[in-house]
Each structure stands twice: as C-alpha cells, then as structure tokens.
C-alpha atoms as a PDB file:
ATOM      1  CA  MET A   1       1.415 -24.898  35.492  1.00  0.00           C
ATOM      2  CA  ASN A   2       1.348 -21.395  36.989  1.00  0.00           C
ATOM      3  CA  ARG A   3      -1.072 -19.390  34.869  1.00  0.00           C
ATOM      4  CA  ILE A   4      -0.459 -16.052  36.570  1.00  0.00           C
ATOM      5  CA  PRO A   5       2.575 -15.019  34.445  1.00  0.00           C
ATOM      6  CA  VAL A   6       0.744 -16.117  31.283  1.00  0.00           C
ATOM      7  CA  LEU A   7      -2.344 -14.098  32.168  1.00  0.00           C
ATOM      8  CA  ALA A   8      -0.213 -11.130  33.183  1.00  0.00           C
ATOM      9  CA  GLY A   9       1.602 -11.251  29.841  1.00  0.00           C
ATOM     10  CA  LEU A  10      -1.696 -11.402  27.975  1.00  0.00           C
ATOM     11  CA  ALA A  11      -2.983  -8.422  29.919  1.00  0.00           C
ATOM     12  CA  LEU A  12       0.120  -6.423  29.063  1.00  0.00           C
ATOM     13  CA  TRP A  13      -0.289  -7.282  25.385  1.00  0.00           C
ATOM     14  CA  LEU A  14      -3.921  -6.218  25.369  1.00  0.00           C
ATOM     15  CA  LEU A  15      -2.974  -2.973  27.071  1.00  0.00           C
ATOM     16  CA  GLY A  16      -0.282  -2.283  24.519  1.00  0.00           C
ATOM     17  CA  ASP A  17       2.826  -2.902  26.611  1.00  0.00           C
ATOM     18  CA  PRO A  18       5.626  -0.890  24.918  1.00  0.00           C
ATOM     19  CA  LEU A  19       8.187  -3.700  25.192  1.00  0.00           C
ATOM     20  CA  LEU A  20       5.878  -6.221  23.537  1.00  0.00           C
ATOM     21  CA  VAL A  21       4.874  -3.774  20.797  1.00  0.00           C
ATOM     22  CA  ALA A  22       8.532  -2.947  20.142  1.00  0.00           C
ATOM     23  CA  ALA A  23       9.255  -6.645  19.589  1.00  0.00           C
ATOM     24  CA  ALA A  24       6.240  -7.257  17.303  1.00  0.00           C
ATOM     25  CA  GLU A  25       6.866  -8.669  13.838  1.00  0.00           C
ATOM     26  CA  LEU A  26       5.024  -8.940  10.547  1.00  0.00           C
ATOM     27  CA  LYS A  27       5.551 -12.315   8.883  1.00  0.00           C
ATOM     28  CA  VAL A  28       4.975 -11.998   5.144  1.00  0.00           C
ATOM     29  CA  HIS A  29       5.545 -14.030   1.980  1.00  0.00           C
ATOM     30  CA  PRO A  30       6.481 -11.586  -0.801  1.00  0.00           C
ATOM     31  CA  ARG A  31       5.600 -12.932  -4.253  1.00  0.00           C
ATOM     32  CA  SER A  32       7.664 -11.944  -7.284  1.00  0.00           C
ATOM     33  CA  GLN A  33       7.919 -13.191 -10.865  1.00  0.00           C
ATOM     34  CA  VAL A  34      11.252 -13.964 -12.481  1.00  0.00           C
ATOM     35  CA  LEU A  35      12.018 -14.597 -16.155  1.00  0.00           C
ATOM     36  CA  LYS A  36      13.718 -17.979 -16.585  1.00  0.00           C
ATOM     37  CA  GLN A  37      14.211 -20.640 -19.223  1.00  0.00           C
ATOM     38  CA  ASP A  38      12.666 -24.095 -19.140  1.00  0.00           C
ATOM     39  CA  ALA A  39      14.523 -27.303 -19.972  1.00  0.00           C
ATOM     40  CA  GLY A  40      13.930 -26.677 -23.670  1.00  0.00           C
ATOM     41  CA  GLY A  41      15.430 -23.184 -23.549  1.00  0.00           C
ATOM     42  CA  HIS A  42      12.079 -21.341 -23.768  1.00  0.00           C
ATOM     43  CA  ASN A  43      11.560 -18.164 -21.780  1.00  0.00           C
ATOM     44  CA  ARG A  44       8.878 -18.298 -19.109  1.00  0.00           C
ATOM     45  CA  TRP A  45       7.844 -16.349 -16.030  1.00  0.00           C
ATOM     46  CA  GLU A  46       8.232 -18.222 -12.775  1.00  0.00           C
ATOM     47  CA  VAL A  47       6.461 -17.227  -9.558  1.00  0.00           C
ATOM     48  CA  VAL A  48       8.891 -16.991  -6.640  1.00  0.00           C
ATOM     49  CA  THR A  49       7.681 -16.683  -3.051  1.00  0.00           C
ATOM     50  CA  ALA A  50       9.993 -15.727  -0.227  1.00  0.00           C
ATOM     51  CA  GLU A  51       9.482 -15.644   3.522  1.00  0.00           C
ATOM     52  CA  LYS A  52      10.283 -12.438   5.396  1.00  0.00           C
ATOM     53  CA  VAL A  53       9.973 -11.281   8.973  1.00  0.00           C
ATOM     54  CA  LEU A  54       9.623  -7.499   9.191  1.00  0.00           C
ATOM     55  CA  PRO A  55      10.034  -5.668  12.491  1.00  0.00           C
ATOM     56  CA  ALA A  56       6.736  -3.808  12.798  1.00  0.00           C
ATOM     57  CA  ARG A  57       8.488  -0.695  14.150  1.00  0.00           C
ATOM     58  CA  GLU A  58      10.545  -0.526  10.948  1.00  0.00           C
ATOM     59  CA  THR A  59       7.541  -0.935   8.653  1.00  0.00           C
ATOM     60  CA  ALA A  60       5.031   1.571   7.281  1.00  0.00           C
ATOM     61  CA  ILE A  61       1.742   1.119   5.478  1.00  0.00           C
ATOM     62  CA  ILE A  62       1.006   3.756   2.853  1.00  0.00           C
ATOM     63  CA  ILE A  63      -2.661   4.117   1.914  1.00  0.00           C
ATOM     64  CA  CYS A  64      -2.856   5.582  -1.572  1.00  0.00           C
ATOM     65  CA  ASP A  65      -5.822   7.672  -2.768  1.00  0.00           C
ATOM     66  CA  MET A  66      -8.618   5.764  -1.034  1.00  0.00           C
ATOM     67  CA  TRP A  67     -10.969   8.673  -1.596  1.00  0.00           C
ATOM     68  CA  ASP A  68     -14.548   9.087  -0.389  1.00  0.00           C
ATOM     69  CA  LYS A  69     -15.755   9.225  -4.011  1.00  0.00           C
ATOM     70  CA  HIS A  70     -14.310   8.807  -7.500  1.00  0.00           C
ATOM     71  CA  TRP A  71     -15.502  10.245 -10.797  1.00  0.00           C
ATOM     72  CA  SER A  72     -15.927   6.633 -11.977  1.00  0.00           C
ATOM     73  CA  ARG A  73     -18.907   4.874 -10.390  1.00  0.00           C
ATOM     74  CA  GLY A  74     -17.240   1.494 -10.864  1.00  0.00           C
ATOM     75  CA  ALA A  75     -14.089   2.689  -9.103  1.00  0.00           C
ATOM     76  CA  THR A  76     -16.166   4.085  -6.222  1.00  0.00           C
ATOM     77  CA  GLU A  77     -18.030   0.790  -5.835  1.00  0.00           C
ATOM     78  CA  ARG A  78     -14.844  -1.251  -5.628  1.00  0.00           C
ATOM     79  CA  VAL A  79     -13.282   1.134  -3.090  1.00  0.00           C
ATOM     80  CA  GLU A  80     -16.412   0.725  -0.944  1.00  0.00           C
ATOM     81  CA  ARG A  81     -15.936  -3.048  -0.999  1.00  0.00           C
ATOM     82  CA  MET A  82     -12.269  -2.765  -0.003  1.00  0.00           C
ATOM     83  CA  VAL A  83     -12.652  -0.292   2.848  1.00  0.00           C
ATOM     84  CA  PRO A  84     -13.789  -2.643   5.681  1.00  0.00           C
ATOM     85  CA  ARG A  85     -10.976  -5.107   5.046  1.00  0.00           C
ATOM     86  CA  MET A  86      -8.401  -2.349   4.642  1.00  0.00           C
ATOM     87  CA  ASN A  87      -9.431  -0.750   7.911  1.00  0.00           C
ATOM     88  CA  GLU A  88      -9.144  -4.113   9.664  1.00  0.00           C
ATOM     89  CA  VAL A  89      -5.627  -4.625   8.290  1.00  0.00           C
ATOM     90  CA  VAL A  90      -4.514  -1.098   9.161  1.00  0.00           C
ATOM     91  CA  LYS A  91      -5.756  -1.448  12.740  1.00  0.00           C
ATOM     92  CA  ALA A  92      -3.915  -4.755  13.168  1.00  0.00           C
ATOM     93  CA  ALA A  93      -0.643  -3.379  11.775  1.00  0.00           C
ATOM     94  CA  ARG A  94      -0.922  -0.227  13.886  1.00  0.00           C
ATOM     95  CA  ALA A  95      -1.486  -2.301  17.033  1.00  0.00           C
ATOM     96  CA  LYS A  96       1.781  -4.103  16.355  1.00  0.00           C
ATOM     97  CA  GLY A  97       3.654  -0.810  16.059  1.00  0.00           C
ATOM     98  CA  ALA A  98       3.711  -0.208  12.298  1.00  0.00           C
ATOM     99  CA  THR A  99       3.562   3.382  11.019  1.00  0.00           C
ATOM    100  CA  ILE A 100       0.382   4.268   9.089  1.00  0.00           C
ATOM    101  CA  VAL A 101       0.522   7.039   6.478  1.00  0.00           C
ATOM    102  CA  HIS A 102      -2.752   8.184   4.881  1.00  0.00           C
ATOM    103  CA  CYS A 103      -2.130   9.685   1.438  1.00  0.00           C
ATOM    104  CA  PRO A 104      -5.425  10.926  -0.084  1.00  0.00           C
ATOM    105  CA  SER A 105      -3.997  13.126  -2.835  1.00  0.00           C
ATOM    106  CA  ASP A 106      -5.596  16.508  -3.587  1.00  0.00           C
ATOM    107  CA  THR A 107      -7.555  16.538  -0.304  1.00  0.00           C
ATOM    108  CA  ILE A 108      -4.887  17.638   2.191  1.00  0.00           C
ATOM    109  CA  ALA A 109      -6.638  20.961   2.855  1.00  0.00           C
ATOM    110  CA  PHE A 110      -9.407  18.943   4.519  1.00  0.00           C
ATOM    111  CA  TYR A 111      -6.853  17.801   7.118  1.00  0.00           C
ATOM    112  CA  LYS A 112      -4.982  21.079   7.664  1.00  0.00           C
ATOM    113  CA  ASP A 113      -5.758  21.171  11.406  1.00  0.00           C
ATOM    114  CA  ALA A 114      -5.514  17.428  12.043  1.00  0.00           C
ATOM    115  CA  PRO A 115      -2.803  16.286  14.493  1.00  0.00           C
ATOM    116  CA  ALA A 116      -1.820  13.514  12.084  1.00  0.00           C
ATOM    117  CA  ARG A 117      -1.213  16.139   9.390  1.00  0.00           C
ATOM    118  CA  LYS A 118       0.816  18.359  11.715  1.00  0.00           C
ATOM    119  CA  ARG A 119       2.841  15.334  12.824  1.00  0.00           C
ATOM    120  CA  VAL A 120       4.131  14.854   9.281  1.00  0.00           C
ATOM    121  CA  LEU A 121       4.841  18.556   8.831  1.00  0.00           C
ATOM    122  CA  ASP A 122       6.854  18.545  12.067  1.00  0.00           C
ATOM    123  CA  ALA A 123       9.178  15.778  10.874  1.00  0.00           C
ATOM    124  CA  PRO A 124      12.640  17.209  10.083  1.00  0.00           C
ATOM    125  CA  ARG A 125      13.380  17.530   6.390  1.00  0.00           C
ATOM    126  CA  VAL A 126      15.989  15.068   5.124  1.00  0.00           C
ATOM    127  CA  ALA A 127      17.660  14.646   1.765  1.00  0.00           C
ATOM    128  CA  MET A 128      15.958  11.915  -0.240  1.00  0.00           C
ATOM    129  CA  PRO A 129      18.319   9.345  -1.787  1.00  0.00           C
ATOM    130  CA  GLU A 130      19.128   9.832  -5.440  1.00  0.00           C
ATOM    131  CA  GLU A 131      16.842   7.915  -7.792  1.00  0.00           C
ATOM    132  CA  ARG A 132      18.363   4.696  -9.048  1.00  0.00           C
ATOM    133  CA  PRO A 133      17.942   3.774 -12.721  1.00  0.00           C
ATOM    134  CA  HIS A 134      15.086   1.331 -13.151  1.00  0.00           C
ATOM    135  CA  ASP A 135      13.468  -0.199 -16.222  1.00  0.00           C
ATOM    136  CA  ASP A 136       9.877   0.932 -16.779  1.00  0.00           C
ATOM    137  CA  PRO A 137       8.296  -1.318 -19.436  1.00  0.00           C
ATOM    138  CA  PRO A 138       4.868  -0.569 -20.942  1.00  0.00           C
ATOM    139  CA  GLN A 139       1.921  -1.676 -18.841  1.00  0.00           C
ATOM    140  CA  PRO A 140      -0.225  -4.649 -19.913  1.00  0.00           C
ATOM    141  CA  VAL A 141      -3.554  -2.751 -20.012  1.00  0.00           C
ATOM    142  CA  ASP A 142      -4.705   0.240 -22.042  1.00  0.00           C
ATOM    143  CA  SER A 143      -6.168   2.918 -19.781  1.00  0.00           C
ATOM    144  CA  SER A 144      -5.943   5.758 -22.301  1.00  0.00           C
ATOM    145  CA  ASP A 145      -9.716   6.312 -22.040  1.00  0.00           C
ATOM    146  CA  GLY A 146      -9.407   6.953 -18.285  1.00  0.00           C
ATOM    147  CA  GLY A 147     -10.125   3.363 -17.347  1.00  0.00           C
ATOM    148  CA  SER A 148     -13.737   3.597 -16.171  1.00  0.00           C
ATOM    149  CA  ASP A 149     -15.767   0.444 -16.755  1.00  0.00           C
ATOM    150  CA  THR A 150     -19.061   2.281 -16.081  1.00  0.00           C
ATOM    151  CA  GLY A 151     -18.968   4.782 -18.929  1.00  0.00           C
ATOM    152  CA  GLU A 152     -17.986   8.068 -17.274  1.00  0.00           C
ATOM    153  CA  LYS A 153     -15.588  10.342 -19.098  1.00  0.00           C
ATOM    154  CA  PRO A 154     -12.569  11.616 -17.199  1.00  0.00           C
ATOM    155  CA  TRP A 155     -11.677  13.767 -15.491  1.00  0.00           C
ATOM    156  CA  PHE A 156     -13.330  15.690 -12.695  1.00  0.00           C
ATOM    157  CA  LYS A 157     -12.529  15.901  -9.007  1.00  0.00           C
ATOM    158  CA  ALA A 158     -15.210  14.011  -7.120  1.00  0.00           C
ATOM    159  CA  TRP A 159     -13.220  13.431  -3.932  1.00  0.00           C
ATOM    160  CA  SER A 160     -12.925  15.650  -0.870  1.00  0.00           C
ATOM    161  CA  ARG A 161     -11.204  13.429   1.711  1.00  0.00           C
ATOM    162  CA  GLN A 162     -10.071   9.885   2.430  1.00  0.00           C
ATOM    163  CA  HIS A 163     -12.922   7.413   2.759  1.00  0.00           C
ATOM    164  CA  PRO A 164     -14.244   7.842   6.332  1.00  0.00           C
ATOM    165  CA  GLY A 165     -14.398   4.060   6.755  1.00  0.00           C
ATOM    166  CA  ILE A 166     -10.606   3.999   7.090  1.00  0.00           C
ATOM    167  CA  GLU A 167      -9.894   5.207  10.595  1.00  0.00           C
ATOM    168  CA  ILE A 168      -7.127   7.745  11.186  1.00  0.00           C
ATOM    169  CA  ASP A 169      -5.477   7.537  14.593  1.00  0.00           C
ATOM    170  CA  GLN A 170      -4.701  11.167  15.279  1.00  0.00           C
ATOM    171  CA  GLU A 171      -2.315  10.162  18.087  1.00  0.00           C
ATOM    172  CA  GLN A 172      -0.045   8.032  15.886  1.00  0.00           C
ATOM    173  CA  ASP A 173      -0.678   8.225  12.134  1.00  0.00           C
ATOM    174  CA  GLY A 174       0.504  10.640   9.470  1.00  0.00           C
ATOM    175  CA  ILE A 175      -1.316  12.405   6.610  1.00  0.00           C
ATOM    176  CA  SER A 176       0.381  13.698   3.456  1.00  0.00           C
ATOM    177  CA  ASP A 177       0.337  13.583  -0.336  1.00  0.00           C
ATOM    178  CA  SER A 178       3.949  14.708  -0.767  1.00  0.00           C
ATOM    179  CA  GLY A 179       6.797  12.306  -1.432  1.00  0.00           C
ATOM    180  CA  GLN A 180       9.269  14.538   0.390  1.00  0.00           C
ATOM    181  CA  GLU A 181       7.027  14.869   3.447  1.00  0.00           C
ATOM    182  CA  VAL A 182       6.369  11.144   3.574  1.00  0.00           C
ATOM    183  CA  TRP A 183      10.084  10.408   3.292  1.00  0.00           C
ATOM    184  CA  ASN A 184      10.804  12.836   6.158  1.00  0.00           C
ATOM    185  CA  PHE A 185       8.194  11.086   8.319  1.00  0.00           C
ATOM    186  CA  LEU A 186       9.473   7.595   7.502  1.00  0.00           C
ATOM    187  CA  ASP A 187      13.057   8.631   8.179  1.00  0.00           C
ATOM    188  CA  GLN A 188      12.077  10.088  11.549  1.00  0.00           C
ATOM    189  CA  ARG A 189      10.377   6.794  12.437  1.00  0.00           C
ATOM    190  CA  GLY A 190      13.290   4.630  11.290  1.00  0.00           C
ATOM    191  CA  VAL A 191      11.180   2.918   8.635  1.00  0.00           C
ATOM    192  CA  LYS A 192      12.970   0.484   6.323  1.00  0.00           C
ATOM    193  CA  ASN A 193       9.994  -1.332   4.771  1.00  0.00           C
ATOM    194  CA  VAL A 194       6.985   0.155   2.985  1.00  0.00           C
ATOM    195  CA  ILE A 195       3.749  -1.703   2.241  1.00  0.00           C
ATOM    196  CA  VAL A 196       1.468   0.043  -0.270  1.00  0.00           C
ATOM    197  CA  MET A 197      -2.280  -0.475  -0.573  1.00  0.00           C
ATOM    198  CA  GLY A 198      -5.011   1.520  -2.273  1.00  0.00           C
ATOM    199  CA  VAL A 199      -5.898   2.709  -5.751  1.00  0.00           C
ATOM    200  CA  HIS A 200      -5.320   2.699  -8.587  1.00  0.00           C
ATOM    201  CA  THR A 201      -2.785   0.004  -9.296  1.00  0.00           C
ATOM    202  CA  ASN A 202      -1.806   1.094 -12.802  1.00  0.00           C
ATOM    203  CA  MET A 203      -1.869   4.822 -12.004  1.00  0.00           C
ATOM    204  CA  CYS A 204      -1.409   6.393  -8.566  1.00  0.00           C
ATOM    205  CA  VAL A 205      -0.193   3.269  -6.753  1.00  0.00           C
ATOM    206  CA  LEU A 206       2.716   3.179  -9.178  1.00  0.00           C
ATOM    207  CA  GLY A 207       3.181   6.828 -10.024  1.00  0.00           C
ATOM    208  CA  ARG A 208       2.544   9.069  -7.008  1.00  0.00           C
ATOM    209  CA  SER A 209       5.566  10.722  -5.412  1.00  0.00           C
ATOM    210  CA  PHE A 210       5.009   8.636  -2.264  1.00  0.00           C
ATOM    211  CA  ALA A 211       4.182   5.360  -4.011  1.00  0.00           C
ATOM    212  CA  ILE A 212       5.862   2.325  -5.559  1.00  0.00           C
ATOM    213  CA  LYS A 213       8.070   3.707  -8.330  1.00  0.00           C
ATOM    214  CA  GLN A 214       9.585   6.460  -6.208  1.00  0.00           C
ATOM    215  CA  MET A 215      10.067   4.212  -3.187  1.00  0.00           C
ATOM    216  CA  VAL A 216      11.761   1.512  -5.257  1.00  0.00           C
ATOM    217  CA  ARG A 217      13.946   3.973  -7.153  1.00  0.00           C
ATOM    218  CA  ARG A 218      15.140   5.443  -3.849  1.00  0.00           C
ATOM    219  CA  GLY A 219      16.064   2.076  -2.378  1.00  0.00           C
ATOM    220  CA  MET A 220      13.169   1.449   0.004  1.00  0.00           C
ATOM    221  CA  ASN A 221      12.136  -2.191   0.542  1.00  0.00           C
ATOM    222  CA  THR A 222       8.661  -1.985  -0.987  1.00  0.00           C
ATOM    223  CA  MET A 223       5.677  -4.338  -1.270  1.00  0.00           C
ATOM    224  CA  LEU A 224       2.133  -4.143  -2.681  1.00  0.00           C
ATOM    225  CA  VAL A 225      -0.922  -5.648  -0.967  1.00  0.00           C
ATOM    226  CA  ARG A 226      -2.383  -7.410  -3.979  1.00  0.00           C
ATOM    227  CA  ASP A 227      -5.938  -7.935  -2.671  1.00  0.00           C
ATOM    228  CA  LEU A 228      -6.312  -4.364  -1.398  1.00  0.00           C
ATOM    229  CA  THR A 229      -5.851  -2.571  -4.691  1.00  0.00           C
ATOM    230  CA  ASP A 230      -7.783  -2.021  -7.912  1.00  0.00           C
ATOM    231  CA  ALA A 231      -6.864  -0.926 -11.430  1.00  0.00           C
ATOM    232  CA  MET A 232      -8.494   1.744 -13.588  1.00  0.00           C
ATOM    233  CA  TYR A 233      -9.266  -0.461 -16.559  1.00  0.00           C
ATOM    234  CA  ASN A 234     -12.169  -0.665 -19.013  1.00  0.00           C
ATOM    235  CA  PRO A 235     -12.707  -4.136 -20.549  1.00  0.00           C
ATOM    236  CA  ALA A 236     -13.644  -2.403 -23.818  1.00  0.00           C
ATOM    237  CA  ARG A 237      -9.932  -1.584 -24.257  1.00  0.00           C
ATOM    238  CA  PRO A 238      -6.924  -3.883 -24.885  1.00  0.00           C
ATOM    239  CA  PRO A 239      -6.222  -6.565 -23.842  1.00  0.00           C
ATOM    240  CA  TYR A 240     -10.036  -7.018 -23.799  1.00  0.00           C
ATOM    241  CA  VAL A 241     -10.286  -8.994 -20.570  1.00  0.00           C
ATOM    242  CA  SER A 242     -12.522  -8.606 -17.527  1.00  0.00           C
ATOM    243  CA  HIS A 243     -11.862  -5.796 -15.075  1.00  0.00           C
ATOM    244  CA  GLU A 244     -10.675  -8.343 -12.534  1.00  0.00           C
ATOM    245  CA  ASP A 245      -8.256  -9.876 -15.022  1.00  0.00           C
ATOM    246  CA  GLY A 246      -7.034  -6.412 -15.958  1.00  0.00           C
ATOM    247  CA  THR A 247      -6.198  -5.712 -12.308  1.00  0.00           C
ATOM    248  CA  ARG A 248      -4.507  -9.107 -12.033  1.00  0.00           C
ATOM    249  CA  LEU A 249      -2.342  -8.330 -15.078  1.00  0.00           C
ATOM    250  CA  VAL A 250      -1.194  -5.044 -13.532  1.00  0.00           C
ATOM    251  CA  ILE A 251      -0.364  -6.786 -10.239  1.00  0.00           C
ATOM    252  CA  GLU A 252       1.678  -9.365 -12.143  1.00  0.00           C
ATOM    253  CA  TYR A 253       3.412  -6.534 -14.022  1.00  0.00           C
ATOM    254  CA  ILE A 254       4.388  -4.960 -10.696  1.00  0.00           C
ATOM    255  CA  GLU A 255       5.633  -8.324  -9.396  1.00  0.00           C
ATOM    256  CA  LYS A 256       7.793  -8.690 -12.503  1.00  0.00           C
ATOM    257  CA  PHE A 257       9.249  -5.207 -12.822  1.00  0.00           C
ATOM    258  CA  TRP A 258       8.808  -3.225  -9.613  1.00  0.00           C
ATOM    259  CA  CYS A 259       8.262  -4.987  -6.303  1.00  0.00           C
ATOM    260  CA  PRO A 260       6.779  -8.126  -4.760  1.00  0.00           C
ATOM    261  CA  SER A 261       3.221  -8.406  -3.531  1.00  0.00           C
ATOM    262  CA  ILE A 262       1.741  -9.845  -0.348  1.00  0.00           C
ATOM    263  CA  ALA A 263      -1.779 -10.825   0.734  1.00  0.00           C
ATOM    264  CA  SER A 264      -3.724  -8.876   3.343  1.00  0.00           C
ATOM    265  CA  GLU A 265      -4.285 -11.898   5.566  1.00  0.00           C
ATOM    266  CA  GLU A 266      -0.550 -12.015   6.212  1.00  0.00           C
ATOM    267  CA  LEU A 267      -0.818  -8.666   7.957  1.00  0.00           C
ATOM    268  CA  LEU A 268      -3.555 -10.168  10.104  1.00  0.00           C
ATOM    269  CA  GLY A 269      -1.304 -13.048  11.088  1.00  0.00           C
ATOM    270  CA  SER A 270      -2.683 -15.720   8.730  1.00  0.00           C
ATOM    271  CA  THR A 271      -0.998 -17.763   6.027  1.00  0.00           C
ATOM    272  CA  PRO A 272      -2.159 -16.790   2.515  1.00  0.00           C
END
C-alpha cells in the first residue's frame, strides 16, 4: 500500500485544507419527545432519536450568556465546570468549518473594538422571517424567586464579559447580543442549522432574541446541547426536586415543545 497519498491527505487536514474543511460534517442524533398513546389508550411521552448529518459550513454554534461571573454563586460554579468542555467542543466545531457566535448579553461594550464584533456589524442587514405561531406551555419549574440555589437575591449585574476560558477566534467568530445582528451574520454565512449551548436553560437559552424560541419561530433548524446548559432553579421551589433534576425537566420540556437536544460528544465525533 502506498502511504504517501494517505500521509499527504492527513497533512492537508491538519493544516486546514479548505476543500476538506468545506466537506466536513457534523453527525448528530437529535432527541425529541412526542406525545403518543400506549396500547391501552393512555397518553405517554415517547423519546424519539433521529440521525442527522449537518454540513459544518451550514451550521452555527450560539453560546448564550456564558458570563465571567453571575450574581448567583451556584450558577457561577456550574458555569466554571462547563467551560473547559464547552471550549473543547467549540474548537472542534470551528475546526470543521462551523460558525461560532459568542452572545454574552449586556457585555458587548467590552468587545467594541474586537474584530469578531466588527465582523458581525459588517454583515449586511436582512429581513428576518416572520415569526410563526408556536405553542408556549408553562415551564415545569418555578423560578419566580430568581432561581438561585445558594441564597442570593436577584438581581444585580455581576458579569462584565464572556468567561475567558471560552476562546474567541478573532479571525473567524462573531460577537453579538442582538437577534437581528446574529440573523444577519448567519444569513451571510449561509447557515441553516443552529446549535445552542450556555445558560440558563429556562431563561436566556429559551428567551433571548438570538436563542431557541426566536430561532424556532423564524424557521431555523435548532438544537440544544443538553449537557452544556444549566437551569436557574432553586430546589426550595416547586416541583421540589434537586437542581440537577430541575435542569433535566427543563431540557425535557424543550425537547417536547421547542426543539431537539444533542450531546456534546457528538460534536467531538463520538456516539452519545
């Protein structure tokens, strides 16, 4: 066997050959939940897993509100635990040609001179699709106290930037906290698939102008990374479960009513 072509191909891949990057794919298994009836006619939720191959060049990762610090100590601690894995996933997706959009709301002034910020501002403005009607049932957890499990009272701005542990590639990435700006940037890049990760699942990840609800309502193929998110939920509030179970309930809610979820290892090329 002649190993020269194989080694040459590997070298091109490691060097980021444009043709190989253009052909790169993300193989994912979106998980949804569908309401069905069992043999006895009783309603039940059934987990449905699909298999999708997404062209990396047509896919964007949106990083929602992964701030350097939160007013809730518990929220800050969980973000710290997520950051190394999230950075690993973002680097892998970027290397395959996916678009990375950093969306640390309320901190954009910090990035006013950053090339990645100017790149988004330079994208031509386009008309966003009209919002489609979409059911929005009540969420399964009560976060009316602000959702902190460590006793702080909301709300004060503790953040000043995105967590520095998530690397921003100033030559490729974008920075914004505006739904219109993000849509302009995605349209310019030809993006058809959006993968959302970050915090908080029951608040900003659903509600921001660049996040799940708006993307789904405007017809974008949208997914949540279920192990790179966290809810604002205090176990002292209904449904009186652990913080981890509260986050799981919100993820299941999203899978039922908004969009499917995937696991981070899929973006690293592993089977979940």
